[in-house]
N, C-alpha and C. Protein backbone atom coordinates (compact mmCIF):
# COMPACT_ATOMS: atom_id res chain seq x y z
N MET A 1 20.36 -6.30 24.28
CA MET A 1 19.84 -4.96 24.08
C MET A 1 19.41 -4.72 22.65
N GLU A 2 20.18 -5.24 21.68
CA GLU A 2 19.88 -5.05 20.28
C GLU A 2 18.53 -5.68 19.92
N ILE A 3 18.32 -6.90 20.42
CA ILE A 3 17.08 -7.60 20.08
C ILE A 3 15.86 -6.87 20.67
N LEU A 4 16.05 -6.25 21.84
CA LEU A 4 14.97 -5.48 22.48
C LEU A 4 14.61 -4.27 21.61
N LEU A 5 15.65 -3.58 21.13
CA LEU A 5 15.42 -2.40 20.26
C LEU A 5 14.73 -2.78 18.97
N LEU A 6 15.12 -3.92 18.38
CA LEU A 6 14.50 -4.35 17.15
C LEU A 6 13.01 -4.69 17.39
N THR A 7 12.75 -5.36 18.50
CA THR A 7 11.37 -5.71 18.84
C THR A 7 10.51 -4.47 19.08
N VAL A 8 11.04 -3.52 19.83
CA VAL A 8 10.31 -2.29 20.12
C VAL A 8 10.07 -1.52 18.82
N GLY A 9 11.02 -1.58 17.90
CA GLY A 9 10.87 -0.90 16.61
C GLY A 9 9.66 -1.43 15.84
N PHE A 10 9.51 -2.76 15.80
CA PHE A 10 8.38 -3.35 15.09
C PHE A 10 7.08 -3.07 15.84
N ILE A 11 7.12 -3.05 17.15
CA ILE A 11 5.94 -2.70 17.93
C ILE A 11 5.51 -1.26 17.62
N GLY A 12 6.51 -0.38 17.47
CA GLY A 12 6.21 1.00 17.11
C GLY A 12 5.50 1.09 15.76
N LEU A 13 5.93 0.27 14.79
CA LEU A 13 5.27 0.25 13.49
C LEU A 13 3.81 -0.19 13.60
N VAL A 14 3.57 -1.21 14.46
CA VAL A 14 2.20 -1.68 14.66
C VAL A 14 1.34 -0.60 15.28
N ILE A 15 1.87 0.10 16.28
CA ILE A 15 1.13 1.20 16.91
C ILE A 15 0.82 2.27 15.91
N ALA A 16 1.78 2.60 15.08
CA ALA A 16 1.59 3.65 14.05
C ALA A 16 0.52 3.25 13.03
N ALA A 17 0.44 1.96 12.71
CA ALA A 17 -0.48 1.49 11.66
C ALA A 17 -1.90 1.27 12.17
N LEU A 18 -2.04 0.77 13.41
CA LEU A 18 -3.35 0.33 13.87
C LEU A 18 -4.01 1.26 14.91
N THR A 19 -3.31 2.24 15.41
CA THR A 19 -3.92 3.10 16.44
C THR A 19 -3.83 4.56 15.99
N PRO A 20 -4.60 5.42 16.65
CA PRO A 20 -4.51 6.85 16.33
C PRO A 20 -3.17 7.48 16.73
N GLN A 21 -2.36 6.76 17.48
CA GLN A 21 -1.08 7.27 17.93
C GLN A 21 0.00 7.04 16.88
N SER A 22 -0.28 7.47 15.65
CA SER A 22 0.65 7.23 14.53
C SER A 22 1.99 7.93 14.76
N THR A 23 1.95 9.16 15.20
CA THR A 23 3.18 9.93 15.40
C THR A 23 4.04 9.28 16.48
N LEU A 24 3.41 8.94 17.60
CA LEU A 24 4.13 8.30 18.70
C LEU A 24 4.74 6.96 18.26
N GLY A 25 3.97 6.16 17.54
CA GLY A 25 4.46 4.88 17.07
C GLY A 25 5.60 5.05 16.07
N GLY A 26 5.46 6.01 15.18
CA GLY A 26 6.52 6.25 14.20
C GLY A 26 7.82 6.68 14.85
N LEU A 27 7.72 7.59 15.83
CA LEU A 27 8.92 8.06 16.54
C LEU A 27 9.56 6.94 17.35
N LEU A 28 8.72 6.09 17.95
CA LEU A 28 9.23 4.95 18.70
C LEU A 28 9.98 3.99 17.78
N ALA A 29 9.41 3.72 16.61
CA ALA A 29 10.07 2.83 15.64
C ALA A 29 11.38 3.43 15.15
N LEU A 30 11.34 4.71 14.83
CA LEU A 30 12.54 5.39 14.31
C LEU A 30 13.66 5.38 15.33
N ALA A 31 13.34 5.71 16.58
CA ALA A 31 14.34 5.74 17.63
C ALA A 31 14.90 4.34 17.92
N SER A 32 14.02 3.36 17.92
CA SER A 32 14.46 1.99 18.24
C SER A 32 15.34 1.41 17.14
N PHE A 33 14.91 1.55 15.88
CA PHE A 33 15.72 1.05 14.77
C PHE A 33 17.04 1.79 14.68
N GLY A 34 17.00 3.11 14.94
CA GLY A 34 18.24 3.89 14.94
C GLY A 34 19.21 3.41 16.02
N GLY A 35 18.66 3.14 17.21
CA GLY A 35 19.50 2.62 18.30
C GLY A 35 20.07 1.25 17.97
N TYR A 36 19.27 0.42 17.29
CA TYR A 36 19.71 -0.93 16.94
C TYR A 36 20.93 -0.86 16.02
N PHE A 37 20.82 -0.05 14.97
CA PHE A 37 21.95 0.03 14.03
C PHE A 37 23.14 0.76 14.65
N TYR A 38 22.87 1.71 15.54
CA TYR A 38 23.97 2.44 16.20
C TYR A 38 24.77 1.51 17.10
N LEU A 39 24.08 0.65 17.86
CA LEU A 39 24.79 -0.26 18.79
C LEU A 39 25.59 -1.32 18.03
N ASN A 40 25.23 -1.57 16.77
CA ASN A 40 25.99 -2.54 15.98
C ASN A 40 27.14 -1.89 15.24
N SER A 41 27.35 -0.60 15.44
CA SER A 41 28.52 0.14 14.91
C SER A 41 28.75 -0.12 13.42
N LEU A 42 27.74 0.21 12.62
CA LEU A 42 27.86 -0.02 11.18
C LEU A 42 28.90 0.92 10.56
N GLU A 43 29.62 0.41 9.58
CA GLU A 43 30.65 1.22 8.89
C GLU A 43 30.09 1.84 7.61
N ASN A 44 28.92 1.41 7.16
CA ASN A 44 28.32 2.02 5.96
C ASN A 44 26.80 1.98 6.09
N TRP A 45 26.14 2.66 5.13
CA TRP A 45 24.69 2.83 5.18
C TRP A 45 23.94 1.73 4.42
N ILE A 46 24.61 0.85 3.76
CA ILE A 46 23.94 -0.14 2.90
C ILE A 46 22.94 -1.00 3.67
N PRO A 47 23.33 -1.60 4.82
CA PRO A 47 22.34 -2.40 5.58
C PRO A 47 21.13 -1.59 5.99
N ILE A 48 21.36 -0.32 6.38
CA ILE A 48 20.24 0.52 6.81
C ILE A 48 19.31 0.80 5.64
N ILE A 49 19.89 1.10 4.47
CA ILE A 49 19.08 1.37 3.29
C ILE A 49 18.25 0.15 2.89
N ILE A 50 18.89 -1.01 2.92
CA ILE A 50 18.19 -2.26 2.59
C ILE A 50 17.05 -2.53 3.57
N PHE A 51 17.33 -2.32 4.85
CA PHE A 51 16.32 -2.55 5.89
C PHE A 51 15.14 -1.60 5.70
N ILE A 52 15.41 -0.31 5.48
CA ILE A 52 14.35 0.68 5.29
C ILE A 52 13.52 0.36 4.04
N LEU A 53 14.19 -0.05 2.98
CA LEU A 53 13.47 -0.41 1.75
C LEU A 53 12.53 -1.60 2.01
N GLY A 54 13.00 -2.56 2.81
CA GLY A 54 12.17 -3.70 3.17
C GLY A 54 10.93 -3.27 3.95
N ILE A 55 11.09 -2.35 4.90
CA ILE A 55 9.97 -1.83 5.69
C ILE A 55 8.96 -1.14 4.76
N CYS A 56 9.49 -0.34 3.83
CA CYS A 56 8.64 0.40 2.88
C CYS A 56 7.82 -0.57 2.01
N LEU A 57 8.43 -1.66 1.58
CA LEU A 57 7.73 -2.63 0.76
C LEU A 57 6.64 -3.36 1.55
N LEU A 58 6.89 -3.61 2.83
CA LEU A 58 5.87 -4.23 3.67
C LEU A 58 4.67 -3.28 3.85
N ILE A 59 4.96 -1.99 4.02
CA ILE A 59 3.89 -1.01 4.15
C ILE A 59 3.12 -0.92 2.82
N PHE A 60 3.84 -0.97 1.72
CA PHE A 60 3.22 -0.95 0.38
C PHE A 60 2.28 -2.15 0.20
N GLU A 61 2.71 -3.29 0.72
CA GLU A 61 1.88 -4.51 0.62
C GLU A 61 0.55 -4.35 1.35
N VAL A 62 0.57 -3.61 2.47
CA VAL A 62 -0.65 -3.40 3.24
C VAL A 62 -1.70 -2.64 2.42
N PHE A 63 -1.22 -1.65 1.62
CA PHE A 63 -2.15 -0.81 0.87
C PHE A 63 -2.39 -1.27 -0.54
N VAL A 64 -1.78 -2.38 -0.96
CA VAL A 64 -2.03 -2.93 -2.29
C VAL A 64 -2.42 -4.40 -2.10
N PRO A 65 -3.71 -4.65 -1.78
CA PRO A 65 -4.16 -6.01 -1.49
C PRO A 65 -3.86 -6.99 -2.60
N ASP A 66 -3.48 -8.21 -2.22
CA ASP A 66 -3.26 -9.33 -3.13
C ASP A 66 -2.03 -9.15 -4.02
N PHE A 67 -1.21 -8.15 -3.78
CA PHE A 67 -0.02 -7.98 -4.60
C PHE A 67 1.00 -9.06 -4.28
N GLY A 68 1.24 -9.29 -2.99
CA GLY A 68 2.04 -10.43 -2.55
C GLY A 68 3.53 -10.30 -2.70
N VAL A 69 3.99 -10.05 -3.92
CA VAL A 69 5.43 -10.03 -4.18
C VAL A 69 6.13 -8.95 -3.34
N ALA A 70 5.51 -7.80 -3.20
CA ALA A 70 6.12 -6.71 -2.43
C ALA A 70 6.37 -7.13 -0.98
N GLY A 71 5.43 -7.82 -0.39
CA GLY A 71 5.57 -8.26 0.98
C GLY A 71 6.70 -9.29 1.14
N ILE A 72 6.78 -10.20 0.20
CA ILE A 72 7.84 -11.24 0.27
C ILE A 72 9.21 -10.59 0.11
N ILE A 73 9.35 -9.73 -0.90
CA ILE A 73 10.64 -9.07 -1.15
C ILE A 73 10.99 -8.19 0.04
N GLY A 74 9.99 -7.49 0.60
CA GLY A 74 10.23 -6.64 1.74
C GLY A 74 10.77 -7.42 2.93
N PHE A 75 10.15 -8.56 3.19
CA PHE A 75 10.58 -9.40 4.32
C PHE A 75 12.02 -9.90 4.11
N LEU A 76 12.33 -10.30 2.87
CA LEU A 76 13.68 -10.77 2.57
C LEU A 76 14.70 -9.65 2.72
N LEU A 77 14.32 -8.43 2.31
CA LEU A 77 15.24 -7.29 2.45
C LEU A 77 15.48 -6.97 3.92
N ILE A 78 14.46 -7.09 4.74
CA ILE A 78 14.62 -6.85 6.17
C ILE A 78 15.59 -7.85 6.77
N ILE A 79 15.43 -9.13 6.39
CA ILE A 79 16.37 -10.16 6.85
C ILE A 79 17.78 -9.84 6.36
N GLY A 80 17.90 -9.43 5.09
CA GLY A 80 19.22 -9.06 4.55
C GLY A 80 19.85 -7.92 5.26
N GLY A 81 19.05 -6.90 5.59
CA GLY A 81 19.60 -5.74 6.29
C GLY A 81 20.10 -6.09 7.68
N ILE A 82 19.35 -6.94 8.39
CA ILE A 82 19.79 -7.38 9.71
C ILE A 82 21.01 -8.28 9.63
N TYR A 83 21.03 -9.16 8.61
CA TYR A 83 22.17 -10.05 8.42
C TYR A 83 23.46 -9.25 8.15
N LEU A 84 23.36 -8.25 7.28
CA LEU A 84 24.53 -7.43 6.98
C LEU A 84 24.97 -6.59 8.16
N THR A 85 24.07 -6.44 9.12
CA THR A 85 24.41 -5.65 10.33
C THR A 85 25.30 -6.44 11.27
N ASN A 86 25.01 -7.76 11.44
CA ASN A 86 25.79 -8.54 12.40
C ASN A 86 26.52 -9.71 11.76
N ASN A 87 26.36 -9.91 10.42
CA ASN A 87 27.09 -10.96 9.69
C ASN A 87 26.87 -12.35 10.29
N ASN A 88 25.67 -12.59 10.82
CA ASN A 88 25.33 -13.89 11.37
C ASN A 88 23.89 -14.18 11.01
N PHE A 89 23.69 -15.08 10.03
CA PHE A 89 22.33 -15.36 9.57
C PHE A 89 21.45 -15.95 10.65
N GLY A 90 21.98 -16.87 11.45
CA GLY A 90 21.21 -17.47 12.51
C GLY A 90 20.76 -16.43 13.54
N LEU A 91 21.67 -15.53 13.89
CA LEU A 91 21.36 -14.49 14.86
C LEU A 91 20.32 -13.52 14.28
N ALA A 92 20.50 -13.21 12.99
CA ALA A 92 19.54 -12.31 12.34
C ALA A 92 18.14 -12.89 12.31
N LEU A 93 18.05 -14.18 11.99
CA LEU A 93 16.76 -14.88 11.91
C LEU A 93 16.13 -14.96 13.29
N ARG A 94 16.94 -15.21 14.32
CA ARG A 94 16.43 -15.29 15.69
C ARG A 94 15.87 -13.96 16.14
N ASP A 95 16.65 -12.89 15.93
CA ASP A 95 16.22 -11.56 16.35
C ASP A 95 14.93 -11.16 15.65
N LEU A 96 14.88 -11.39 14.33
CA LEU A 96 13.71 -11.00 13.57
C LEU A 96 12.49 -11.82 13.97
N SER A 97 12.69 -13.11 14.23
CA SER A 97 11.58 -13.97 14.61
C SER A 97 10.96 -13.50 15.92
N ILE A 98 11.78 -13.16 16.90
CA ILE A 98 11.27 -12.69 18.17
C ILE A 98 10.51 -11.38 17.99
N ALA A 99 11.06 -10.49 17.16
CA ALA A 99 10.40 -9.20 16.92
C ALA A 99 9.06 -9.40 16.23
N VAL A 100 9.02 -10.29 15.24
CA VAL A 100 7.78 -10.54 14.51
C VAL A 100 6.72 -11.18 15.39
N VAL A 101 7.13 -12.14 16.21
CA VAL A 101 6.18 -12.81 17.13
C VAL A 101 5.58 -11.79 18.10
N ALA A 102 6.43 -10.95 18.67
CA ALA A 102 5.95 -9.95 19.64
C ALA A 102 5.01 -8.96 18.98
N SER A 103 5.36 -8.46 17.80
CA SER A 103 4.51 -7.51 17.13
C SER A 103 3.22 -8.16 16.63
N SER A 104 3.29 -9.43 16.21
CA SER A 104 2.08 -10.14 15.77
C SER A 104 1.11 -10.32 16.92
N PHE A 105 1.63 -10.61 18.10
CA PHE A 105 0.79 -10.73 19.29
C PHE A 105 0.07 -9.41 19.57
N LEU A 106 0.80 -8.29 19.40
CA LEU A 106 0.21 -6.98 19.62
C LEU A 106 -0.88 -6.70 18.58
N VAL A 107 -0.63 -7.09 17.32
CA VAL A 107 -1.62 -6.91 16.26
C VAL A 107 -2.92 -7.64 16.63
N ILE A 108 -2.80 -8.89 17.08
CA ILE A 108 -3.98 -9.69 17.45
C ILE A 108 -4.76 -9.01 18.57
N MET A 109 -4.04 -8.51 19.56
CA MET A 109 -4.69 -7.87 20.70
C MET A 109 -5.41 -6.57 20.26
N LEU A 110 -4.77 -5.79 19.39
CA LEU A 110 -5.39 -4.55 18.95
C LEU A 110 -6.60 -4.80 18.05
N VAL A 111 -6.51 -5.81 17.17
CA VAL A 111 -7.63 -6.12 16.28
C VAL A 111 -8.81 -6.61 17.09
N ARG A 112 -8.55 -7.40 18.11
CA ARG A 112 -9.64 -7.88 18.96
C ARG A 112 -10.32 -6.75 19.72
N ARG A 113 -9.59 -5.67 19.94
CA ARG A 113 -10.15 -4.50 20.61
C ARG A 113 -10.80 -3.53 19.63
N GLY A 114 -10.81 -3.91 18.35
CA GLY A 114 -11.53 -3.10 17.36
C GLY A 114 -10.67 -2.16 16.56
N TYR A 115 -9.36 -2.16 16.77
CA TYR A 115 -8.49 -1.29 16.00
C TYR A 115 -8.27 -1.87 14.60
N SER A 116 -8.02 -1.00 13.64
CA SER A 116 -7.79 -1.46 12.27
C SER A 116 -7.02 -0.40 11.52
N LEU A 117 -6.83 -0.63 10.22
CA LEU A 117 -6.16 0.35 9.36
C LEU A 117 -7.10 1.46 8.92
N ALA A 118 -8.34 1.47 9.40
CA ALA A 118 -9.33 2.41 8.88
C ALA A 118 -8.87 3.85 9.02
N HIS A 119 -8.30 4.20 10.18
CA HIS A 119 -7.87 5.61 10.36
C HIS A 119 -6.73 5.95 9.40
N PHE A 120 -5.91 4.96 9.08
CA PHE A 120 -4.79 5.19 8.16
C PHE A 120 -5.29 5.32 6.74
N GLU A 121 -6.31 4.50 6.40
CA GLU A 121 -6.85 4.50 5.05
C GLU A 121 -7.56 5.82 4.73
N LYS A 122 -8.07 6.48 5.76
CA LYS A 122 -8.74 7.75 5.53
C LYS A 122 -7.79 8.80 4.98
N LEU A 123 -6.49 8.62 5.22
CA LEU A 123 -5.51 9.55 4.68
C LEU A 123 -5.22 9.26 3.22
N VAL A 124 -5.60 8.06 2.77
CA VAL A 124 -5.29 7.66 1.40
C VAL A 124 -6.49 7.66 0.50
N LEU A 125 -7.64 7.13 0.98
CA LEU A 125 -8.81 7.04 0.15
C LEU A 125 -9.49 8.40 0.05
N LYS A 126 -9.85 8.78 -1.15
CA LYS A 126 -10.48 10.08 -1.39
C LYS A 126 -11.86 9.95 -2.02
N LYS A 127 -12.48 8.77 -1.88
CA LYS A 127 -13.79 8.56 -2.48
C LYS A 127 -14.76 7.97 -1.45
N ASN A 128 -16.02 7.84 -1.90
CA ASN A 128 -17.07 7.28 -1.04
C ASN A 128 -17.26 8.08 0.24
N LEU A 129 -17.10 9.40 0.18
CA LEU A 129 -17.27 10.21 1.37
C LEU A 129 -18.58 11.02 1.34
N ASP A 130 -19.35 10.92 0.27
CA ASP A 130 -20.59 11.64 0.24
C ASP A 130 -21.74 10.73 0.64
N LYS A 131 -22.90 11.33 0.92
CA LYS A 131 -24.04 10.55 1.37
C LYS A 131 -24.52 9.59 0.30
N LYS A 132 -24.42 10.01 -0.97
CA LYS A 132 -24.83 9.17 -2.07
C LYS A 132 -24.01 7.89 -2.14
N SER A 133 -22.74 7.98 -1.73
CA SER A 133 -21.83 6.82 -1.79
C SER A 133 -21.90 5.98 -0.51
N GLY A 134 -22.78 6.39 0.40
CA GLY A 134 -22.95 5.57 1.60
C GLY A 134 -22.30 6.16 2.82
N PHE A 135 -21.68 7.33 2.71
CA PHE A 135 -21.03 7.92 3.88
C PHE A 135 -22.06 8.63 4.73
N SER A 136 -21.91 8.44 6.03
CA SER A 136 -22.83 9.08 6.96
C SER A 136 -22.07 9.55 8.15
N SER A 137 -22.40 10.73 8.67
CA SER A 137 -21.74 11.26 9.85
C SER A 137 -22.28 10.62 11.13
N ASN A 138 -23.34 9.86 11.02
CA ASN A 138 -23.93 9.19 12.17
C ASN A 138 -23.05 8.03 12.60
N SER A 139 -22.54 8.06 13.85
CA SER A 139 -21.61 7.03 14.28
C SER A 139 -22.32 5.76 14.74
N ASP A 140 -23.66 5.82 14.86
CA ASP A 140 -24.41 4.63 15.29
C ASP A 140 -24.79 3.80 14.09
N ALA A 141 -24.16 2.64 13.97
CA ALA A 141 -24.45 1.75 12.83
C ALA A 141 -25.21 0.51 13.28
N SER A 142 -25.91 0.60 14.41
CA SER A 142 -26.58 -0.58 14.96
C SER A 142 -27.67 -1.10 14.03
N VAL A 143 -28.17 -0.28 13.12
CA VAL A 143 -29.22 -0.71 12.19
C VAL A 143 -28.72 -1.80 11.26
N TYR A 144 -27.40 -1.93 11.12
CA TYR A 144 -26.84 -2.93 10.23
C TYR A 144 -26.58 -4.27 10.90
N LEU A 145 -26.84 -4.35 12.20
CA LEU A 145 -26.60 -5.60 12.91
C LEU A 145 -27.47 -6.73 12.32
N GLY A 146 -26.83 -7.81 11.92
CA GLY A 146 -27.53 -8.94 11.34
C GLY A 146 -27.72 -8.86 9.83
N GLN A 147 -27.41 -7.72 9.25
CA GLN A 147 -27.59 -7.56 7.79
C GLN A 147 -26.45 -8.26 7.05
N ILE A 148 -26.78 -8.67 5.82
CA ILE A 148 -25.80 -9.34 4.96
C ILE A 148 -25.39 -8.40 3.83
N GLY A 149 -24.11 -8.36 3.56
CA GLY A 149 -23.60 -7.54 2.48
C GLY A 149 -22.52 -8.26 1.71
N THR A 150 -21.99 -7.59 0.70
CA THR A 150 -20.93 -8.19 -0.14
C THR A 150 -19.67 -7.34 -0.07
N THR A 151 -18.54 -7.99 0.13
CA THR A 151 -17.28 -7.27 0.22
C THR A 151 -16.94 -6.66 -1.13
N THR A 152 -16.55 -5.37 -1.11
CA THR A 152 -16.11 -4.70 -2.35
C THR A 152 -14.60 -4.53 -2.38
N THR A 153 -13.95 -4.79 -1.24
CA THR A 153 -12.50 -4.84 -1.15
C THR A 153 -12.15 -6.01 -0.25
N PRO A 154 -10.93 -6.53 -0.33
CA PRO A 154 -10.54 -7.58 0.62
C PRO A 154 -10.56 -7.05 2.04
N LEU A 155 -10.93 -7.85 3.00
CA LEU A 155 -10.92 -7.49 4.42
C LEU A 155 -9.67 -8.07 5.03
N ARG A 156 -8.70 -7.18 5.42
CA ARG A 156 -7.39 -7.69 5.87
C ARG A 156 -6.88 -7.04 7.17
N PRO A 157 -7.59 -6.95 8.26
CA PRO A 157 -8.98 -7.38 8.43
C PRO A 157 -10.01 -6.31 8.12
N SER A 158 -9.55 -5.06 7.83
CA SER A 158 -10.50 -4.00 7.54
C SER A 158 -10.70 -3.87 6.04
N GLY A 159 -11.83 -3.32 5.65
CA GLY A 159 -12.13 -3.11 4.24
C GLY A 159 -13.55 -2.57 4.11
N LYS A 160 -14.14 -2.75 2.91
CA LYS A 160 -15.47 -2.18 2.65
C LYS A 160 -16.45 -3.27 2.24
N VAL A 161 -17.69 -3.04 2.65
CA VAL A 161 -18.79 -3.99 2.31
C VAL A 161 -19.96 -3.16 1.78
N ARG A 162 -20.56 -3.66 0.71
CA ARG A 162 -21.74 -3.01 0.12
C ARG A 162 -22.99 -3.67 0.69
N PHE A 163 -23.83 -2.83 1.36
CA PHE A 163 -25.13 -3.27 1.81
C PHE A 163 -26.18 -2.72 0.83
N GLU A 164 -27.45 -2.91 1.11
CA GLU A 164 -28.47 -2.47 0.16
C GLU A 164 -28.47 -0.95 -0.05
N ASP A 165 -28.17 -0.22 1.02
CA ASP A 165 -28.29 1.23 0.94
C ASP A 165 -26.96 1.98 1.08
N ALA A 166 -25.87 1.27 1.31
CA ALA A 166 -24.62 1.99 1.54
C ALA A 166 -23.41 1.06 1.42
N GLU A 167 -22.26 1.65 1.25
CA GLU A 167 -20.99 0.93 1.28
C GLU A 167 -20.24 1.47 2.50
N LEU A 168 -19.91 0.57 3.44
CA LEU A 168 -19.35 0.97 4.73
C LEU A 168 -18.02 0.31 5.03
N ASP A 169 -17.24 0.97 5.88
CA ASP A 169 -16.01 0.38 6.37
C ASP A 169 -16.34 -0.63 7.45
N VAL A 170 -15.73 -1.81 7.38
CA VAL A 170 -16.01 -2.87 8.35
C VAL A 170 -14.71 -3.53 8.77
N ILE A 171 -14.79 -4.40 9.76
CA ILE A 171 -13.64 -5.16 10.25
C ILE A 171 -14.05 -6.63 10.33
N SER A 172 -13.28 -7.52 9.76
CA SER A 172 -13.60 -8.94 9.86
C SER A 172 -13.17 -9.49 11.22
N THR A 173 -13.82 -10.53 11.67
CA THR A 173 -13.54 -11.08 12.98
C THR A 173 -12.54 -12.24 12.86
N GLY A 174 -11.26 -11.90 12.76
CA GLY A 174 -10.21 -12.89 12.85
C GLY A 174 -9.87 -13.62 11.58
N GLU A 175 -10.29 -13.14 10.41
CA GLU A 175 -9.90 -13.82 9.16
C GLU A 175 -9.84 -12.82 8.04
N HIS A 176 -9.02 -13.14 7.02
CA HIS A 176 -8.97 -12.35 5.80
C HIS A 176 -10.04 -12.85 4.86
N ILE A 177 -10.81 -11.92 4.28
CA ILE A 177 -11.90 -12.30 3.39
C ILE A 177 -11.68 -11.59 2.06
N ASP A 178 -11.84 -12.33 0.97
CA ASP A 178 -11.62 -11.80 -0.37
C ASP A 178 -12.78 -10.89 -0.81
N THR A 179 -12.59 -10.29 -1.99
CA THR A 179 -13.62 -9.45 -2.58
C THR A 179 -14.78 -10.33 -3.09
N ALA A 180 -15.99 -9.74 -3.14
CA ALA A 180 -17.18 -10.39 -3.67
C ALA A 180 -17.60 -11.62 -2.83
N VAL A 181 -17.47 -11.52 -1.51
CA VAL A 181 -17.86 -12.59 -0.60
C VAL A 181 -18.96 -12.09 0.31
N LEU A 182 -19.98 -12.91 0.53
CA LEU A 182 -21.08 -12.51 1.42
C LEU A 182 -20.62 -12.55 2.88
N VAL A 183 -20.94 -11.49 3.59
CA VAL A 183 -20.60 -11.42 5.02
C VAL A 183 -21.82 -10.95 5.79
N VAL A 184 -21.84 -11.22 7.07
CA VAL A 184 -22.96 -10.81 7.93
C VAL A 184 -22.40 -10.00 9.09
N VAL A 185 -23.12 -8.96 9.46
CA VAL A 185 -22.71 -8.10 10.60
C VAL A 185 -23.02 -8.83 11.90
N THR A 186 -22.01 -9.09 12.70
CA THR A 186 -22.17 -9.83 13.95
C THR A 186 -22.10 -8.95 15.19
N LYS A 187 -21.50 -7.76 15.05
CA LYS A 187 -21.35 -6.90 16.22
C LYS A 187 -21.17 -5.46 15.78
N VAL A 188 -21.77 -4.53 16.48
CA VAL A 188 -21.63 -3.12 16.16
C VAL A 188 -21.33 -2.35 17.45
N GLU A 189 -20.26 -1.58 17.41
CA GLU A 189 -19.90 -0.75 18.56
C GLU A 189 -19.69 0.68 18.04
N GLY A 190 -20.78 1.46 18.09
CA GLY A 190 -20.71 2.82 17.55
C GLY A 190 -20.50 2.79 16.06
N TYR A 191 -19.34 3.28 15.59
CA TYR A 191 -19.02 3.28 14.17
C TYR A 191 -18.28 2.04 13.74
N LYS A 192 -17.93 1.16 14.66
CA LYS A 192 -17.17 -0.04 14.33
C LYS A 192 -18.14 -1.16 14.00
N ILE A 193 -18.03 -1.70 12.79
CA ILE A 193 -18.90 -2.77 12.31
C ILE A 193 -18.08 -4.03 12.13
N MET A 194 -18.38 -5.07 12.89
CA MET A 194 -17.66 -6.33 12.81
C MET A 194 -18.46 -7.31 11.98
N VAL A 195 -17.79 -8.01 11.06
CA VAL A 195 -18.48 -8.96 10.18
C VAL A 195 -17.72 -10.28 10.15
N ARG A 196 -18.44 -11.31 9.67
CA ARG A 196 -17.81 -12.60 9.42
C ARG A 196 -18.37 -13.15 8.11
N ARG A 197 -17.67 -14.11 7.55
CA ARG A 197 -18.11 -14.76 6.32
C ARG A 197 -19.44 -15.50 6.56
N VAL A 198 -20.34 -15.38 5.58
CA VAL A 198 -21.61 -16.11 5.69
C VAL A 198 -21.34 -17.58 5.42
N ASP A 199 -21.82 -18.45 6.32
CA ASP A 199 -21.62 -19.90 6.15
C ASP A 199 -22.35 -20.38 4.91
N GLN A 200 -21.63 -21.09 4.03
CA GLN A 200 -22.23 -21.63 2.82
C GLN A 200 -22.72 -23.04 3.09
N THR A 201 -23.96 -23.32 2.79
CA THR A 201 -24.52 -24.65 3.02
C THR A 201 -24.93 -25.30 1.70
């Protein structure tokens, strides 16, 4: 039961990050993680605090591209929090591995369906929203199909690309792409622009 709650908790985080159902995903994660620690009958809050800090650092890593250290420390803190919960490193690693594999599978499925962090980033980014900066209320971006642009932020898998007339939000097709890399638009679905790295010959 504990491993199921831990897995559902991570799935809730993925839903909150990649879909418009942020509130539902957040509540699902909160309830699942709460149930996990409750069933383990913790005598103090230290493991919970360590675990929550690890989750926060992982989220921080998502919004600070190429930082790296935050994600590594966050993952280690999550392992530490789970270990302190059941005092069994092997069990903690097994539970976390299953949860990560399940949530990673969900991430892949959602990204392939066109979901990204774009809706989440709109709550954070406060620039490039005027027409001069490339923002347009027109949801049809089919005119960019086949065009080549340059990444202005890392695509992990979502980010921004500068074309001749605008800077737009895009999604890479299955790979992380660094800043200042040429990409080509391979697919457009309404406001969703899919790109891939331009083959260098």
